[in-house]
Amino acid sequence: MRRMPLAITTLAVAIGSAGTHAQDANLGRSLAATCANCHGTNGVSQGVVPTIAGVDKDTLTRMLKEFKAGTRTGTIMPQLAKGYTDAQIETVAAWLAAQKPPR
């Protein structure tokens, strides 16, 4: 078995990591795409569903975790929240909190 020179191995790891970081930069937005179906683009609702853009990150995180645990009632949210890890919930909550709410 041939071993790769250290410089090539380091370069391969750096390239792979760069792709991961670029993907991570958009992870919150990507996760929030599911929210757009009901809560609107960037969390700004156009209907009766609440706008979640600009809501405090801790509040969103708490609410999503309550949906996930089944301690908060909802129509579709309990099922959707169960599909996210706690880290994903925190990521999407941070991204939505950073969005501008309507004036």
N, C-alpha and C. Protein backbone atom coordinates (compact mmCIF):
# COMPACT_ATOMS: atom_id res chain seq x y z
N MET A 1 0.83 -1.18 0.00
CA MET A 1 0.00 0.00 0.00
C MET A 1 0.88 1.24 0.00
N ARG A 2 0.62 2.13 -0.95
CA ARG A 2 1.40 3.37 -1.02
C ARG A 2 0.78 4.43 -0.13
N ARG A 3 1.62 5.18 0.49
CA ARG A 3 1.15 6.27 1.35
C ARG A 3 1.23 7.57 0.59
N MET A 4 0.23 8.41 0.76
CA MET A 4 0.23 9.73 0.13
C MET A 4 1.20 10.64 0.86
N PRO A 5 1.94 11.45 0.13
CA PRO A 5 2.80 12.41 0.81
C PRO A 5 1.95 13.34 1.69
N LEU A 6 2.54 13.79 2.77
CA LEU A 6 1.83 14.63 3.73
C LEU A 6 1.24 15.88 3.09
N ALA A 7 1.95 16.51 2.18
CA ALA A 7 1.45 17.74 1.54
C ALA A 7 0.17 17.47 0.76
N ILE A 8 0.09 16.35 0.05
CA ILE A 8 -1.10 16.01 -0.72
C ILE A 8 -2.25 15.69 0.22
N THR A 9 -1.98 14.95 1.28
CA THR A 9 -3.01 14.62 2.26
C THR A 9 -3.56 15.90 2.90
N THR A 10 -2.69 16.80 3.28
CA THR A 10 -3.11 18.07 3.89
C THR A 10 -3.96 18.88 2.92
N LEU A 11 -3.55 18.93 1.66
CA LEU A 11 -4.31 19.67 0.65
C LEU A 11 -5.70 19.05 0.47
N ALA A 12 -5.78 17.76 0.42
CA ALA A 12 -7.08 17.09 0.25
C ALA A 12 -8.00 17.39 1.42
N VAL A 13 -7.47 17.38 2.63
CA VAL A 13 -8.28 17.70 3.81
C VAL A 13 -8.72 19.15 3.76
N ALA A 14 -7.84 20.06 3.38
CA ALA A 14 -8.18 21.49 3.31
C ALA A 14 -9.27 21.75 2.27
N ILE A 15 -9.18 21.11 1.12
CA ILE A 15 -10.19 21.28 0.08
C ILE A 15 -11.53 20.74 0.57
N GLY A 16 -11.52 19.58 1.18
CA GLY A 16 -12.75 19.00 1.71
C GLY A 16 -13.35 19.87 2.79
N SER A 17 -12.53 20.43 3.65
CA SER A 17 -13.02 21.30 4.72
C SER A 17 -13.58 22.59 4.17
N ALA A 18 -12.97 23.13 3.13
CA ALA A 18 -13.46 24.37 2.54
C ALA A 18 -14.86 24.18 2.00
N GLY A 19 -15.13 23.04 1.38
CA GLY A 19 -16.46 22.76 0.87
C GLY A 19 -17.47 22.65 2.00
N THR A 20 -17.07 22.05 3.10
CA THR A 20 -17.94 21.91 4.25
C THR A 20 -18.28 23.28 4.83
N HIS A 21 -17.27 24.15 4.96
CA HIS A 21 -17.51 25.48 5.52
C HIS A 21 -18.41 26.30 4.62
N ALA A 22 -18.23 26.19 3.31
CA ALA A 22 -19.08 26.93 2.38
C ALA A 22 -20.52 26.46 2.51
N GLN A 23 -20.71 25.17 2.66
CA GLN A 23 -22.05 24.62 2.82
C GLN A 23 -22.64 25.08 4.16
N ASP A 24 -21.84 25.08 5.21
CA ASP A 24 -22.32 25.48 6.53
C ASP A 24 -22.78 26.93 6.55
N ALA A 25 -22.17 27.79 5.75
CA ALA A 25 -22.55 29.20 5.71
C ALA A 25 -23.99 29.36 5.27
N ASN A 26 -24.51 28.45 4.49
CA ASN A 26 -25.88 28.51 4.00
C ASN A 26 -26.81 27.52 4.68
N LEU A 27 -26.33 26.83 5.69
CA LEU A 27 -27.12 25.78 6.32
C LEU A 27 -28.41 26.32 6.94
N GLY A 28 -28.34 27.45 7.64
CA GLY A 28 -29.54 28.03 8.25
C GLY A 28 -30.59 28.36 7.21
N ARG A 29 -30.14 28.97 6.12
CA ARG A 29 -31.08 29.32 5.04
C ARG A 29 -31.66 28.07 4.42
N SER A 30 -30.85 27.06 4.22
CA SER A 30 -31.33 25.82 3.63
C SER A 30 -32.36 25.13 4.54
N LEU A 31 -32.08 25.11 5.83
CA LEU A 31 -33.03 24.51 6.76
C LEU A 31 -34.33 25.30 6.82
N ALA A 32 -34.23 26.62 6.73
CA ALA A 32 -35.42 27.49 6.80
C ALA A 32 -36.27 27.40 5.54
N ALA A 33 -35.77 26.80 4.49
CA ALA A 33 -36.56 26.66 3.26
C ALA A 33 -37.84 25.89 3.54
N THR A 34 -37.78 24.93 4.45
CA THR A 34 -38.98 24.19 4.83
C THR A 34 -40.00 25.10 5.51
N CYS A 35 -39.53 26.05 6.29
CA CYS A 35 -40.40 26.98 7.01
C CYS A 35 -41.15 27.89 6.05
N ALA A 36 -40.54 28.18 4.90
CA ALA A 36 -41.11 29.12 3.93
C ALA A 36 -42.46 28.66 3.40
N ASN A 37 -42.70 27.37 3.39
CA ASN A 37 -43.98 26.87 2.89
C ASN A 37 -45.16 27.47 3.65
N CYS A 38 -45.02 27.66 4.95
CA CYS A 38 -46.11 28.22 5.76
C CYS A 38 -45.80 29.63 6.26
N HIS A 39 -44.56 29.84 6.68
CA HIS A 39 -44.18 31.10 7.32
C HIS A 39 -43.66 32.14 6.34
N GLY A 40 -43.57 31.80 5.07
CA GLY A 40 -43.15 32.76 4.05
C GLY A 40 -41.63 32.80 3.85
N THR A 41 -41.24 33.38 2.73
CA THR A 41 -39.82 33.52 2.41
C THR A 41 -39.13 34.32 3.50
N ASN A 42 -37.99 33.81 3.96
CA ASN A 42 -37.21 34.44 5.03
C ASN A 42 -38.01 34.61 6.32
N GLY A 43 -39.08 33.81 6.49
CA GLY A 43 -39.86 33.84 7.71
C GLY A 43 -40.90 34.94 7.78
N VAL A 44 -41.13 35.64 6.66
CA VAL A 44 -42.11 36.73 6.62
C VAL A 44 -43.40 36.19 6.01
N SER A 45 -44.39 35.96 6.85
CA SER A 45 -45.65 35.37 6.44
C SER A 45 -46.51 36.35 5.64
N GLN A 46 -47.23 35.80 4.69
CA GLN A 46 -48.17 36.59 3.91
C GLN A 46 -49.61 36.23 4.25
N GLY A 47 -49.78 35.44 5.28
CA GLY A 47 -51.12 34.97 5.62
C GLY A 47 -51.36 34.94 7.11
N VAL A 48 -52.13 33.95 7.53
CA VAL A 48 -52.52 33.85 8.94
C VAL A 48 -51.46 33.17 9.81
N VAL A 49 -50.51 32.50 9.20
CA VAL A 49 -49.44 31.85 9.94
C VAL A 49 -48.49 32.95 10.45
N PRO A 50 -48.02 32.84 11.68
CA PRO A 50 -47.18 33.90 12.23
C PRO A 50 -45.87 34.12 11.46
N THR A 51 -45.46 35.37 11.38
CA THR A 51 -44.13 35.71 10.87
C THR A 51 -43.12 35.33 11.94
N ILE A 52 -42.05 34.66 11.53
CA ILE A 52 -41.03 34.25 12.49
C ILE A 52 -39.70 34.96 12.24
N ALA A 53 -39.63 35.78 11.21
CA ALA A 53 -38.42 36.57 10.94
C ALA A 53 -38.21 37.56 12.08
N GLY A 54 -36.99 37.62 12.58
CA GLY A 54 -36.66 38.59 13.61
C GLY A 54 -37.06 38.21 15.02
N VAL A 55 -37.70 37.05 15.18
CA VAL A 55 -38.04 36.59 16.53
C VAL A 55 -36.74 36.15 17.21
N ASP A 56 -36.61 36.46 18.48
CA ASP A 56 -35.42 36.14 19.26
C ASP A 56 -35.02 34.67 19.09
N LYS A 57 -33.72 34.43 18.89
CA LYS A 57 -33.20 33.08 18.67
C LYS A 57 -33.58 32.14 19.81
N ASP A 58 -33.44 32.59 21.04
CA ASP A 58 -33.75 31.72 22.18
C ASP A 58 -35.23 31.36 22.22
N THR A 59 -36.08 32.30 21.85
CA THR A 59 -37.53 32.04 21.81
C THR A 59 -37.85 31.01 20.74
N LEU A 60 -37.29 31.20 19.54
CA LEU A 60 -37.53 30.23 18.46
C LEU A 60 -36.99 28.85 18.83
N THR A 61 -35.80 28.82 19.39
CA THR A 61 -35.20 27.54 19.79
C THR A 61 -36.09 26.83 20.81
N ARG A 62 -36.53 27.57 21.82
CA ARG A 62 -37.39 26.98 22.85
C ARG A 62 -38.68 26.44 22.23
N MET A 63 -39.32 27.24 21.38
CA MET A 63 -40.58 26.81 20.79
C MET A 63 -40.40 25.56 19.92
N LEU A 64 -39.36 25.56 19.09
CA LEU A 64 -39.11 24.39 18.23
C LEU A 64 -38.82 23.14 19.05
N LYS A 65 -38.05 23.30 20.12
CA LYS A 65 -37.76 22.14 20.98
C LYS A 65 -39.01 21.66 21.71
N GLU A 66 -39.91 22.59 22.05
CA GLU A 66 -41.18 22.19 22.67
C GLU A 66 -42.05 21.43 21.67
N PHE A 67 -42.08 21.89 20.42
CA PHE A 67 -42.81 21.14 19.39
C PHE A 67 -42.21 19.75 19.25
N LYS A 68 -40.89 19.69 19.19
CA LYS A 68 -40.19 18.41 19.02
C LYS A 68 -40.49 17.45 20.17
N ALA A 69 -40.53 17.97 21.38
CA ALA A 69 -40.78 17.13 22.56
C ALA A 69 -42.25 16.79 22.75
N GLY A 70 -43.13 17.48 22.02
CA GLY A 70 -44.55 17.22 22.15
C GLY A 70 -45.21 17.99 23.29
N THR A 71 -44.49 18.94 23.87
CA THR A 71 -45.05 19.73 24.97
C THR A 71 -45.72 21.01 24.47
N ARG A 72 -45.61 21.29 23.19
CA ARG A 72 -46.29 22.43 22.57
C ARG A 72 -47.15 21.88 21.45
N THR A 73 -48.41 22.29 21.41
CA THR A 73 -49.31 21.76 20.40
C THR A 73 -49.20 22.57 19.11
N GLY A 74 -49.56 21.92 18.04
CA GLY A 74 -49.56 22.55 16.72
C GLY A 74 -50.16 21.59 15.72
N THR A 75 -50.36 22.07 14.52
CA THR A 75 -50.92 21.20 13.49
C THR A 75 -49.80 20.37 12.86
N ILE A 76 -48.90 21.01 12.17
CA ILE A 76 -47.83 20.31 11.46
C ILE A 76 -46.48 20.46 12.16
N MET A 77 -46.33 21.50 12.99
CA MET A 77 -45.03 21.80 13.60
C MET A 77 -44.46 20.67 14.46
N PRO A 78 -45.25 19.97 15.26
CA PRO A 78 -44.66 18.89 16.04
C PRO A 78 -44.00 17.82 15.14
N GLN A 79 -44.64 17.49 14.03
CA GLN A 79 -44.07 16.49 13.13
C GLN A 79 -42.81 17.02 12.45
N LEU A 80 -42.85 18.28 12.01
CA LEU A 80 -41.68 18.86 11.34
C LEU A 80 -40.50 18.98 12.29
N ALA A 81 -40.75 19.45 13.50
CA ALA A 81 -39.67 19.67 14.46
C ALA A 81 -38.95 18.37 14.83
N LYS A 82 -39.68 17.26 14.81
CA LYS A 82 -39.06 15.97 15.13
C LYS A 82 -38.01 15.56 14.10
N GLY A 83 -38.06 16.17 12.92
CA GLY A 83 -37.10 15.84 11.88
C GLY A 83 -35.79 16.58 11.99
N TYR A 84 -35.66 17.47 12.96
CA TYR A 84 -34.44 18.26 13.13
C TYR A 84 -33.68 17.83 14.38
N THR A 85 -32.37 17.87 14.29
CA THR A 85 -31.54 17.67 15.48
C THR A 85 -31.59 18.96 16.29
N ASP A 86 -31.17 18.91 17.54
CA ASP A 86 -31.12 20.13 18.35
C ASP A 86 -30.17 21.15 17.74
N ALA A 87 -29.06 20.69 17.17
CA ALA A 87 -28.11 21.61 16.53
C ALA A 87 -28.74 22.28 15.31
N GLN A 88 -29.52 21.53 14.53
CA GLN A 88 -30.20 22.11 13.38
C GLN A 88 -31.25 23.12 13.83
N ILE A 89 -31.95 22.83 14.91
CA ILE A 89 -32.94 23.76 15.45
C ILE A 89 -32.26 25.07 15.83
N GLU A 90 -31.13 24.99 16.49
CA GLU A 90 -30.41 26.20 16.90
C GLU A 90 -29.91 26.97 15.68
N THR A 91 -29.48 26.25 14.65
CA THR A 91 -28.99 26.90 13.44
C THR A 91 -30.11 27.63 12.71
N VAL A 92 -31.25 26.98 12.53
CA VAL A 92 -32.35 27.62 11.82
C VAL A 92 -32.93 28.76 12.65
N ALA A 93 -32.97 28.61 13.98
CA ALA A 93 -33.46 29.69 14.84
C ALA A 93 -32.56 30.91 14.74
N ALA A 94 -31.26 30.69 14.71
CA ALA A 94 -30.32 31.82 14.59
C ALA A 94 -30.51 32.52 13.25
N TRP A 95 -30.67 31.74 12.18
CA TRP A 95 -30.83 32.33 10.85
C TRP A 95 -32.13 33.14 10.78
N LEU A 96 -33.22 32.58 11.27
CA LEU A 96 -34.51 33.29 11.23
C LEU A 96 -34.48 34.54 12.12
N ALA A 97 -33.82 34.45 13.26
CA ALA A 97 -33.72 35.61 14.15
C ALA A 97 -32.98 36.77 13.48
N ALA A 98 -32.06 36.45 12.58
CA ALA A 98 -31.28 37.48 11.90
C ALA A 98 -32.01 38.12 10.73
N GLN A 99 -33.15 37.57 10.35
CA GLN A 99 -33.92 38.11 9.21
C GLN A 99 -34.71 39.34 9.65
N LYS A 100 -34.94 40.24 8.71
CA LYS A 100 -35.67 41.47 9.02
C LYS A 100 -37.17 41.21 9.03
N PRO A 101 -37.81 41.52 10.15
CA PRO A 101 -39.27 41.37 10.19
C PRO A 101 -39.92 42.50 9.39
N PRO A 102 -41.17 42.33 8.98
CA PRO A 102 -41.84 43.41 8.26
C PRO A 102 -42.09 44.59 9.19
N ARG A 103 -42.20 45.75 8.61
CA ARG A 103 -42.44 46.96 9.42
C ARG A 103 -43.89 47.28 9.48
